[in-house]
Amino acid sequence: MSGNFRRKAIGRQLTSEEATRQGRVSRLAFEAMKEPGAAVAFLNAEDSALGGRPIDLAVASAEGLLSVEQAIATYQAR
């Protein structure tokens, strides 16, 4: 056995700005929703009000991040 088990990258690597937005929105969702499963479901499910998957929108742009942050704040206010 060669011992070389490096995983092959799928897709492109996130820029530092994208990775920062991904981390921020993930942290906010996990803090707001308390249940890890609820946060994962929220971030990965299509959201018609937002116009896509929250994690994708937040990673794509600062405006997308703001929209998702507002959706999380609305969830917290319930």
Protein backbone atom coordinates (compact mmCIF):
# COMPACT_ATOMS: atom_id res chain seq x y z
CA MET A 1 0.00 0.00 0.00
CA SER A 2 1.34 3.41 -0.89
CA GLY A 3 -0.09 5.28 2.08
CA ASN A 4 -1.00 8.18 -0.18
CA PHE A 5 -4.68 8.82 0.54
CA ARG A 6 -4.93 12.40 -0.53
CA ARG A 7 -8.47 13.28 -1.58
CA LYS A 8 -8.99 14.66 -5.02
CA ALA A 9 -10.46 18.17 -4.99
CA ILE A 10 -13.94 18.49 -6.42
CA GLY A 11 -14.70 21.85 -7.97
CA ARG A 12 -12.68 24.94 -7.27
CA GLN A 13 -11.16 26.10 -4.01
CA LEU A 14 -12.88 29.01 -2.24
CA THR A 15 -11.15 32.37 -2.14
CA SER A 16 -10.27 33.69 1.31
CA GLU A 17 -13.25 36.09 1.16
CA GLU A 18 -15.62 33.27 0.21
CA ALA A 19 -14.26 31.03 2.96
CA THR A 20 -14.69 33.86 5.48
CA ARG A 21 -18.32 34.36 4.44
CA GLN A 22 -18.94 30.60 4.57
CA GLY A 23 -17.54 30.40 8.09
CA ARG A 24 -19.49 33.44 9.25
CA VAL A 25 -22.86 32.27 7.96
CA SER A 26 -22.29 28.74 9.26
CA ARG A 27 -21.40 30.02 12.73
CA LEU A 28 -24.44 32.31 12.80
CA ALA A 29 -26.78 29.53 11.70
CA PHE A 30 -25.44 27.08 14.29
CA GLU A 31 -25.67 29.68 17.06
CA ALA A 32 -29.18 30.77 16.10
CA MET A 33 -30.71 27.36 15.51
CA LYS A 34 -29.11 25.45 18.40
CA GLU A 35 -29.79 22.08 16.74
CA PRO A 36 -26.97 21.22 14.30
CA GLY A 37 -29.38 19.40 12.00
CA ALA A 38 -31.62 22.45 11.72
CA ALA A 39 -28.67 24.68 10.82
CA VAL A 40 -27.38 22.24 8.19
CA ALA A 41 -30.88 21.87 6.71
CA PHE A 42 -31.37 25.65 6.59
CA LEU A 43 -28.02 26.30 4.93
CA ASN A 44 -28.38 23.56 2.31
CA ALA A 45 -32.07 23.68 1.38
CA GLU A 46 -33.40 25.78 -1.50
CA ASP A 47 -35.06 28.88 -0.07
CA SER A 48 -37.49 30.49 -2.51
CA ALA A 49 -37.63 33.72 -0.48
CA LEU A 50 -33.85 34.09 -0.74
CA GLY A 51 -33.65 32.77 -4.29
CA GLY A 52 -31.34 29.81 -3.70
CA ARG A 53 -29.47 27.80 -1.11
CA PRO A 54 -28.42 30.09 1.77
CA ILE A 55 -24.88 28.69 1.91
CA ASP A 56 -24.36 29.32 -1.82
CA LEU A 57 -25.76 32.84 -1.63
CA ALA A 58 -23.62 33.76 1.37
CA VAL A 59 -20.46 32.40 -0.22
CA ALA A 60 -21.12 34.10 -3.58
CA SER A 61 -21.24 37.73 -2.42
CA ALA A 62 -21.37 40.17 0.46
CA GLU A 63 -24.94 41.02 -0.55
CA GLY A 64 -25.90 37.35 -0.42
CA LEU A 65 -24.31 37.05 3.01
CA LEU A 66 -26.34 40.04 4.23
CA SER A 67 -29.58 38.50 2.91
CA VAL A 68 -28.87 35.21 4.69
CA GLU A 69 -27.87 37.01 7.90
CA GLN A 70 -31.22 38.83 7.79
CA ALA A 71 -33.05 35.52 7.31
CA ILE A 72 -31.23 34.08 10.32
CA ALA A 73 -32.10 37.16 12.40
CA THR A 74 -35.77 36.70 11.42
CA TYR A 75 -35.55 33.06 12.52
CA GLN A 76 -34.08 34.13 15.86
CA ALA A 77 -36.84 36.68 16.42
CA ARG A 78 -39.51 33.95 16.37
